[in-house]
């Protein structure tokens, strides 16, 4: 870590038995011929935006029921992540049950969310780079809401019950390119705002899932004209059962090779940084100790981060192994399928094992 910004070159020299270096420099072999430019020595925490005054409330915008999320940030041009959960987000660990709503710039934190009506939601906003670096913290009331926001369900046929009145939502738009320190932000009227009008519609914003019944619930009688049906379980005829048994008996017995933990090449290099470093700690920690339940929990938390497709595939690959060693082959197959596009060869070996090895 250099003391000051600038261009830096590096070389690695071997030592004699007496401790003296061999003064041989070969550019591209043991010395760099291109400089490494260090332009900023600030830590991720020093560069990150601090979020304050988060607020989430029901509103109607352009005739559509929404939840409007607003907040203030002390830095411009920072990428922020907006999370949503059905329970209060009090710590970073709670992100494992949260969903990523969207990414927003810190210059104007104003998000309209369209979740399922009738369910209360809590929100949190975090600096993306600081979260990937592992230094993000949840501060309830500042960057995470403490009161649930909900889109009410308007039931048709009840005109006497007026829907709750939505409050106006204030959108903060910074007027300057450089934001002042968060403690110095004056409390004043917003520069941009819109009025909220309660909709008179009786239609849900999001429909309920449709369940296709195949039998009458009270009698079990089969319903007709349903199109594609799930076939009933049937028993093989005696002739078919004898044929299948004959085919199976003609197969040569195979010995199952006990699997070993597979570590991808991408996770065997020098010490990484950011989200790669977080994954490495899981590999060197619970996975190396064969603590599969702990590994599953940490990998689930890791997958709640905004990851690249390649990094997410690696996490699914290791979670597939954790499920396998925990005895859940079905979930293991699903996890390996999520990693298949990025690591086809490695995944195929595990899928072959899972789909051909006899259950114990």
Protein backbone atom coordinates (compact mmCIF):
# COMPACT_ATOMS: atom_id res chain seq x y z
CA UNK A 1 0.00 0.00 0.00
CA UNK A 2 1.90 3.10 -1.20
CA UNK A 3 2.10 6.14 1.04
CA UNK A 4 1.31 8.66 -1.71
CA UNK A 5 -0.41 8.49 -5.13
CA UNK A 6 1.79 7.97 -8.17
CA UNK A 7 3.13 5.41 -10.69
CA UNK A 8 4.81 2.36 -9.19
CA UNK A 9 6.98 -0.45 -10.61
CA UNK A 10 7.74 -3.76 -8.93
CA UNK A 11 10.43 -6.44 -9.06
CA UNK A 12 10.97 -9.77 -7.33
CA UNK A 13 14.59 -10.94 -6.78
CA UNK A 14 15.88 -14.28 -5.53
CA UNK A 15 18.35 -14.39 -2.63
CA UNK A 16 21.60 -16.29 -2.26
CA UNK A 17 22.25 -18.48 0.79
CA UNK A 18 24.03 -15.50 2.30
CA UNK A 19 20.92 -13.38 1.89
CA UNK A 20 22.18 -11.23 -0.98
CA UNK A 21 19.83 -10.59 -3.91
CA UNK A 22 20.63 -11.75 -7.43
CA UNK A 23 20.66 -8.41 -9.28
CA UNK A 24 19.13 -9.71 -12.46
CA UNK A 25 16.11 -7.88 -13.85
CA UNK A 26 14.14 -9.29 -16.77
CA UNK A 27 11.17 -7.07 -17.71
CA UNK A 28 7.98 -9.07 -17.82
CA UNK A 29 9.57 -11.97 -15.91
CA UNK A 30 10.68 -10.72 -12.52
CA UNK A 31 10.10 -6.97 -12.99
CA UNK A 32 7.17 -4.97 -14.28
CA UNK A 33 7.64 -2.77 -17.33
CA UNK A 34 4.28 -0.99 -17.02
CA UNK A 35 3.56 1.23 -14.03
CA UNK A 36 0.70 0.70 -11.61
CA UNK A 37 -1.08 4.03 -11.17
CA UNK A 38 -2.28 4.78 -7.64
CA UNK A 39 -4.63 7.76 -7.85
CA UNK A 40 -6.53 7.56 -4.58
CA UNK A 41 -5.48 6.22 -1.20
CA UNK A 42 -8.86 6.68 0.49
CA UNK A 43 -10.35 3.54 2.05
CA UNK A 44 -13.69 2.19 0.78
CA UNK A 45 -15.32 3.47 3.96
CA UNK A 46 -13.92 6.96 3.39
CA UNK A 47 -15.16 6.98 -0.21
CA UNK A 48 -18.60 5.52 0.53
CA UNK A 49 -21.77 7.56 0.79
CA UNK A 50 -23.47 7.82 4.18
CA UNK A 51 -27.25 7.45 4.01
CA UNK A 52 -29.55 9.36 6.33
CA UNK A 53 -33.24 10.17 6.71
CA UNK A 54 -34.58 7.15 4.85
CA UNK A 55 -38.34 7.10 4.46
CA UNK A 56 -40.78 4.71 2.79
CA UNK A 57 -44.51 5.29 2.48
CA UNK A 58 -47.53 4.33 0.39
CA UNK A 59 -48.35 6.67 -2.49
CA UNK A 60 -50.21 6.76 -5.78
CA UNK A 61 -48.21 7.96 -8.78
CA UNK A 62 -49.84 8.31 -12.20
CA UNK A 63 -52.77 6.24 -10.98
CA UNK A 64 -50.60 3.35 -9.77
CA UNK A 65 -50.29 2.23 -6.16
CA UNK A 66 -46.64 2.26 -5.10
CA UNK A 67 -44.31 2.60 -2.14
CA UNK A 68 -42.05 5.63 -2.47
CA UNK A 69 -38.58 5.43 -0.87
CA UNK A 70 -36.54 8.58 -0.31
CA UNK A 71 -33.31 9.33 1.56
CA UNK A 72 -30.33 11.72 1.73
CA UNK A 73 -26.68 10.94 0.94
CA UNK A 74 -23.58 12.98 1.76
CA UNK A 75 -21.77 12.12 -1.49
CA UNK A 76 -22.71 12.38 -5.14
CA UNK A 77 -21.91 9.91 -7.94
CA UNK A 78 -22.08 6.85 -5.67
CA UNK A 79 -23.96 3.69 -6.62
CA UNK A 80 -26.45 2.66 -3.97
CA UNK A 81 -28.40 -0.57 -3.49
CA UNK A 82 -32.03 -0.54 -2.33
CA UNK A 83 -33.17 -3.66 -0.46
CA UNK A 84 -36.66 -4.78 0.59
CA UNK A 85 -37.70 -7.34 3.23
CA UNK A 86 -40.87 -8.41 5.03
CA UNK A 87 -39.15 -8.00 8.40
CA UNK A 88 -37.07 -5.16 9.76
CA UNK A 89 -33.51 -5.03 8.43
CA UNK A 90 -31.46 -4.47 11.58
CA UNK A 91 -28.10 -6.00 10.63
CA UNK A 92 -26.21 -6.96 7.47
CA UNK A 93 -27.08 -10.61 8.19
CA UNK A 94 -30.75 -9.76 7.62
CA UNK A 95 -30.00 -9.20 3.93
CA UNK A 96 -30.16 -12.97 3.41
CA UNK A 97 -33.97 -12.68 3.51
CA UNK A 98 -34.11 -9.35 1.64
CA UNK A 99 -34.57 -8.72 -2.08
CA UNK A 100 -32.62 -6.25 -4.18
CA UNK A 101 -35.15 -3.71 -5.51
CA UNK A 102 -32.92 -1.57 -7.70
CA UNK A 103 -29.68 0.37 -8.00
CA UNK A 104 -29.83 4.15 -7.71
CA UNK A 105 -27.35 7.02 -7.86
CA UNK A 106 -26.73 8.91 -4.63
CA UNK A 107 -27.38 12.25 -6.38
CA UNK A 108 -31.13 11.66 -6.20
CA UNK A 109 -32.48 8.92 -3.96
CA UNK A 110 -36.10 8.57 -5.04
CA UNK A 111 -37.40 5.09 -5.81
CA UNK A 112 -40.91 3.87 -6.57
CA UNK A 113 -41.41 0.21 -5.63
CA UNK A 114 -44.31 -2.02 -6.72
CA UNK A 115 -44.42 -4.94 -4.24
CA UNK A 116 -47.34 -7.26 -3.47
CA UNK A 117 -50.24 -5.31 -1.88
CA UNK A 118 -51.36 -6.20 1.63
CA UNK A 119 -47.84 -7.00 2.86
CA UNK A 120 -45.74 -4.67 5.01
CA UNK A 121 -42.19 -4.06 3.78
CA UNK A 122 -39.02 -2.64 5.30
CA UNK A 123 -36.26 -1.03 3.22
CA UNK A 124 -32.52 -0.39 3.48
CA UNK A 125 -30.13 1.60 1.27
CA UNK A 126 -26.41 0.79 1.20
CA UNK A 127 -23.34 1.96 -0.69
CA UNK A 128 -22.60 -0.78 -3.23
CA UNK A 129 -18.78 -0.70 -3.08
CA UNK A 130 -18.74 -0.59 0.71
CA UNK A 131 -21.11 -3.57 0.87
CA UNK A 132 -18.94 -5.60 -1.51
CA UNK A 133 -15.87 -4.66 0.54
CA UNK A 134 -17.55 -6.02 3.66
CA UNK A 135 -17.63 -2.75 5.60
CA UNK A 136 -21.31 -1.79 5.28
CA UNK A 137 -23.42 -1.42 8.41
CA UNK A 138 -27.15 -1.13 9.03
CA UNK A 139 -28.25 1.85 11.13
CA UNK A 140 -32.02 1.58 11.76
CA UNK A 141 -33.75 4.91 11.24
CA UNK A 142 -30.91 6.27 9.09
CA UNK A 143 -30.23 3.86 6.21
CA UNK A 144 -32.94 1.32 7.11
CA UNK A 145 -36.62 1.91 7.85
CA UNK A 146 -38.11 0.96 11.21
CA UNK A 147 -41.79 1.16 10.20
CA UNK A 148 -43.33 -1.11 7.56
CA UNK A 149 -44.78 0.46 4.41
CA UNK A 150 -47.69 -1.30 2.76
CA UNK A 151 -49.84 -0.96 -0.34
CA UNK A 152 -53.43 -1.52 0.90
CA UNK A 153 -55.72 -4.02 -0.76
CA UNK A 154 -58.85 -2.31 -2.07
CA UNK A 155 -61.64 -4.90 -1.97
CA UNK A 156 -64.35 -4.57 -4.60
CA UNK A 157 -67.94 -4.14 -3.41
CA UNK A 158 -67.12 -2.13 -0.24
CA UNK A 159 -67.72 1.49 -1.34
CA UNK A 160 -68.50 2.58 2.22
CA UNK A 161 -64.91 1.85 3.29
CA UNK A 162 -62.61 4.51 1.91
CA UNK A 163 -59.04 3.40 1.22
CA UNK A 164 -56.33 4.96 3.38
CA UNK A 165 -55.13 8.34 2.26
CA UNK A 166 -51.64 8.38 0.85
CA UNK A 167 -49.31 11.13 1.96
CA UNK A 168 -47.37 13.32 -0.44
CA UNK A 169 -43.88 12.02 -1.20
CA UNK A 170 -40.94 14.40 -1.22
CA UNK A 171 -38.16 13.81 -3.74
CA UNK A 172 -34.79 15.32 -2.87
CA UNK A 173 -32.74 16.61 -5.81
CA UNK A 174 -29.32 18.03 -4.81
CA UNK A 175 -28.64 21.41 -6.39
CA UNK A 176 -24.84 21.17 -6.31
CA UNK A 177 -22.40 18.69 -7.82
CA UNK A 178 -20.54 18.37 -4.53
CA UNK A 179 -22.74 17.50 -1.56
CA UNK A 180 -21.82 18.98 1.85
CA UNK A 181 -21.11 16.83 4.84
CA UNK A 182 -24.22 15.04 6.08
CA UNK A 183 -24.29 16.95 9.36
CA UNK A 184 -24.24 20.23 7.45
CA UNK A 185 -27.26 19.50 5.23
CA UNK A 186 -29.96 22.05 6.13
CA UNK A 187 -33.53 20.90 6.59
CA UNK A 188 -35.56 22.76 4.00
CA UNK A 189 -38.46 22.27 1.67
CA UNK A 190 -37.76 19.88 -1.23
CA UNK A 191 -37.10 21.23 -4.68
CA UNK A 192 -39.12 18.51 -6.40
CA UNK A 193 -42.36 17.07 -5.12
CA UNK A 194 -45.54 15.53 -6.45
CA UNK A 195 -48.99 15.21 -5.01
CA UNK A 196 -50.50 11.84 -4.28
CA UNK A 197 -54.04 11.04 -5.41
CA UNK A 198 -55.89 8.01 -4.09
CA UNK A 199 -56.98 5.70 -6.89
CA UNK A 200 -60.61 4.59 -7.14
CA UNK A 201 -59.72 1.36 -8.95
CA UNK A 202 -60.89 -1.96 -7.53
CA UNK A 203 -58.27 -4.05 -9.37
CA UNK A 204 -55.23 -5.53 -7.67
CA UNK A 205 -51.91 -4.22 -8.94
CA UNK A 206 -50.51 -7.76 -8.96
CA UNK A 207 -52.79 -10.83 -9.40
CA UNK A 208 -52.76 -13.78 -7.06
CA UNK A 209 -51.16 -17.03 -8.30
CA UNK A 210 -53.58 -19.32 -10.16
CA UNK A 211 -54.00 -22.89 -8.93
CA UNK A 212 -55.51 -25.36 -11.41
CA UNK A 213 -57.56 -27.89 -9.45
CA UNK A 214 -57.91 -31.34 -10.97
CA UNK A 215 -60.39 -32.91 -8.57
CA UNK A 216 -63.38 -31.80 -6.53
CA UNK A 217 -62.09 -31.05 -3.04
CA UNK A 218 -65.11 -32.49 -1.25
CA UNK A 219 -65.43 -35.77 -3.21
CA UNK A 220 -62.12 -36.26 -5.02
CA UNK A 221 -63.97 -36.70 -8.34
CA UNK A 222 -61.89 -35.87 -11.42
CA UNK A 223 -62.79 -32.61 -13.16
CA UNK A 224 -63.07 -32.55 -16.94
CA UNK A 225 -61.72 -30.39 -19.75
CA UNK A 226 -58.71 -29.02 -17.87
CA UNK A 227 -56.22 -29.34 -20.72
CA UNK A 228 -52.85 -30.67 -19.54
CA UNK A 229 -53.18 -32.84 -16.44
CA UNK A 230 -50.65 -34.31 -14.07
CA UNK A 231 -50.67 -38.06 -14.80
CA UNK A 232 -51.81 -40.41 -12.06
CA UNK A 233 -49.29 -42.79 -10.48
CA UNK A 234 -49.56 -46.20 -12.11
CA UNK A 235 -48.02 -49.63 -11.45
CA UNK A 236 -46.01 -51.43 -14.12
CA UNK A 237 -47.58 -54.52 -15.59
CA UNK A 238 -46.05 -57.86 -14.66
CA UNK A 239 -44.49 -58.21 -18.13
CA UNK A 240 -42.98 -54.68 -18.04
CA UNK A 241 -41.71 -55.18 -14.50
CA UNK A 242 -40.01 -58.45 -15.51
CA UNK A 243 -38.39 -56.76 -18.54
CA UNK A 244 -37.04 -53.87 -16.48
CA UNK A 245 -35.67 -56.29 -13.85
CA UNK A 246 -33.95 -58.28 -16.59
CA UNK A 247 -32.33 -55.16 -18.04
CA UNK A 248 -31.11 -53.99 -14.64
CA UNK A 249 -29.66 -57.39 -13.78
CA UNK A 250 -27.62 -57.42 -16.99
CA UNK A 251 -25.78 -54.23 -16.03
CA UNK A 252 -22.33 -54.54 -14.55
CA UNK A 253 -22.13 -53.29 -10.98
CA UNK A 254 -20.29 -50.02 -10.61
CA UNK A 255 -18.43 -48.90 -7.56
CA UNK A 256 -19.28 -45.40 -6.39
CA UNK A 257 -16.24 -43.21 -5.96
CA UNK A 258 -16.45 -41.15 -2.83
CA UNK A 259 -16.55 -37.49 -3.90
CA UNK A 260 -14.09 -34.96 -2.64
CA UNK A 261 -14.62 -31.24 -2.18
CA UNK A 262 -13.95 -29.39 -5.44
CA UNK A 263 -12.31 -25.96 -5.30
CA UNK A 264 -12.46 -24.02 -8.57
CA UNK A 265 -9.27 -22.69 -10.16
CA UNK A 266 -10.58 -19.13 -9.78
CA UNK A 267 -10.47 -19.59 -5.99
CA UNK A 268 -6.93 -20.93 -5.75
CA UNK A 269 -4.94 -17.85 -6.76
CA UNK A 270 -3.39 -15.09 -4.67
CA UNK A 271 -5.40 -13.35 -1.97
CA UNK A 272 -8.33 -11.58 -3.68
CA UNK A 273 -10.20 -8.43 -2.70
CA UNK A 274 -13.79 -7.30 -2.33
CA UNK A 275 -16.51 -9.91 -2.80
CA UNK A 276 -13.93 -12.48 -3.99
CA UNK A 277 -12.21 -12.15 -0.62
CA UNK A 278 -15.53 -12.75 1.17
CA UNK A 279 -16.05 -15.96 -0.82
CA UNK A 280 -12.45 -17.02 -0.07
CA UNK A 281 -13.10 -16.71 3.68
CA UNK A 282 -16.04 -19.11 3.33
CA UNK A 283 -13.90 -21.59 1.37
CA UNK A 284 -11.01 -21.38 3.83
CA UNK A 285 -13.42 -21.45 6.78
CA UNK A 286 -16.48 -23.71 7.03
CA UNK A 287 -15.92 -25.48 3.70
CA UNK A 288 -12.35 -26.46 4.58
CA UNK A 289 -13.54 -27.58 8.03
CA UNK A 290 -16.42 -29.54 6.40
CA UNK A 291 -18.89 -27.54 8.51
CA UNK A 292 -21.61 -27.75 5.88
CA UNK A 293 -24.50 -26.18 7.80
CA UNK A 294 -22.37 -23.15 8.56
CA UNK A 295 -21.19 -23.05 4.95
CA UNK A 296 -24.79 -23.08 3.71
CA UNK A 297 -25.70 -20.14 5.94
CA UNK A 298 -22.68 -18.08 4.91
CA UNK A 299 -23.14 -18.85 1.20
CA UNK A 300 -26.81 -17.84 1.43
CA UNK A 301 -25.79 -14.53 2.99
CA UNK A 302 -23.10 -14.09 0.32
CA UNK A 303 -25.60 -14.64 -2.52
CA UNK A 304 -27.71 -11.75 -1.20
CA UNK A 305 -24.94 -9.38 -2.33
CA UNK A 306 -24.96 -7.82 -5.82
CA UNK A 307 -22.59 -10.28 -7.52
CA UNK A 308 -21.35 -10.69 -11.07
CA UNK A 309 -22.80 -13.74 -12.90
CA UNK A 310 -19.42 -15.50 -12.68
CA UNK A 311 -19.04 -14.90 -8.95
CA UNK A 312 -22.65 -15.93 -8.26
CA UNK A 313 -22.06 -19.15 -10.24
CA UNK A 314 -19.07 -19.98 -8.04
CA UNK A 315 -21.16 -19.45 -4.91
CA UNK A 316 -23.92 -21.72 -6.28
CA UNK A 317 -21.28 -24.35 -7.14
CA UNK A 318 -20.06 -24.45 -3.54
CA UNK A 319 -23.59 -24.36 -2.15
CA UNK A 320 -24.39 -27.38 -4.33
CA UNK A 321 -21.56 -29.29 -2.65
CA UNK A 322 -22.74 -28.15 0.77
CA UNK A 323 -26.25 -29.45 0.07
CA UNK A 324 -24.81 -32.75 -1.20
CA UNK A 325 -22.76 -33.36 1.94
CA UNK A 326 -25.75 -32.26 4.06
CA UNK A 327 -27.80 -35.05 2.45
CA UNK A 328 -30.13 -32.93 0.28
CA UNK A 329 -29.42 -34.14 -3.26
CA UNK A 330 -32.43 -32.43 -4.82
CA UNK A 331 -31.33 -28.94 -3.75
CA UNK A 332 -27.75 -29.83 -4.69
CA UNK A 333 -28.82 -30.55 -8.28
CA UNK A 334 -30.65 -27.21 -8.49
CA UNK A 335 -27.62 -25.31 -7.20
CA UNK A 336 -25.26 -27.00 -9.68
CA UNK A 337 -27.63 -26.17 -12.55
CA UNK A 338 -27.36 -22.49 -11.60
CA UNK A 339 -23.56 -22.74 -11.99
CA UNK A 340 -23.60 -24.84 -15.16
CA UNK A 341 -23.28 -22.02 -17.73
CA UNK A 342 -20.06 -20.71 -16.16
CA UNK A 343 -18.47 -24.01 -15.02
CA UNK A 344 -19.85 -26.68 -17.32
CA UNK A 345 -17.10 -29.29 -16.94
CA UNK A 346 -16.93 -29.14 -13.14
CA UNK A 347 -20.71 -29.14 -12.78
CA UNK A 348 -21.17 -32.10 -15.16
CA UNK A 349 -18.96 -34.25 -12.94
CA UNK A 350 -21.12 -33.50 -9.91
CA UNK A 351 -24.40 -33.92 -11.81
CA UNK A 352 -23.24 -37.32 -13.08
CA UNK A 353 -22.48 -38.34 -9.51
CA UNK A 354 -25.80 -37.03 -8.17
CA UNK A 355 -27.98 -38.54 -10.90
CA UNK A 356 -26.32 -41.95 -11.17
CA UNK A 357 -25.10 -42.83 -7.70
CA UNK A 358 -27.52 -44.93 -5.63
CA UNK A 359 -29.10 -43.30 -2.61
CA UNK A 360 -27.88 -44.47 0.75
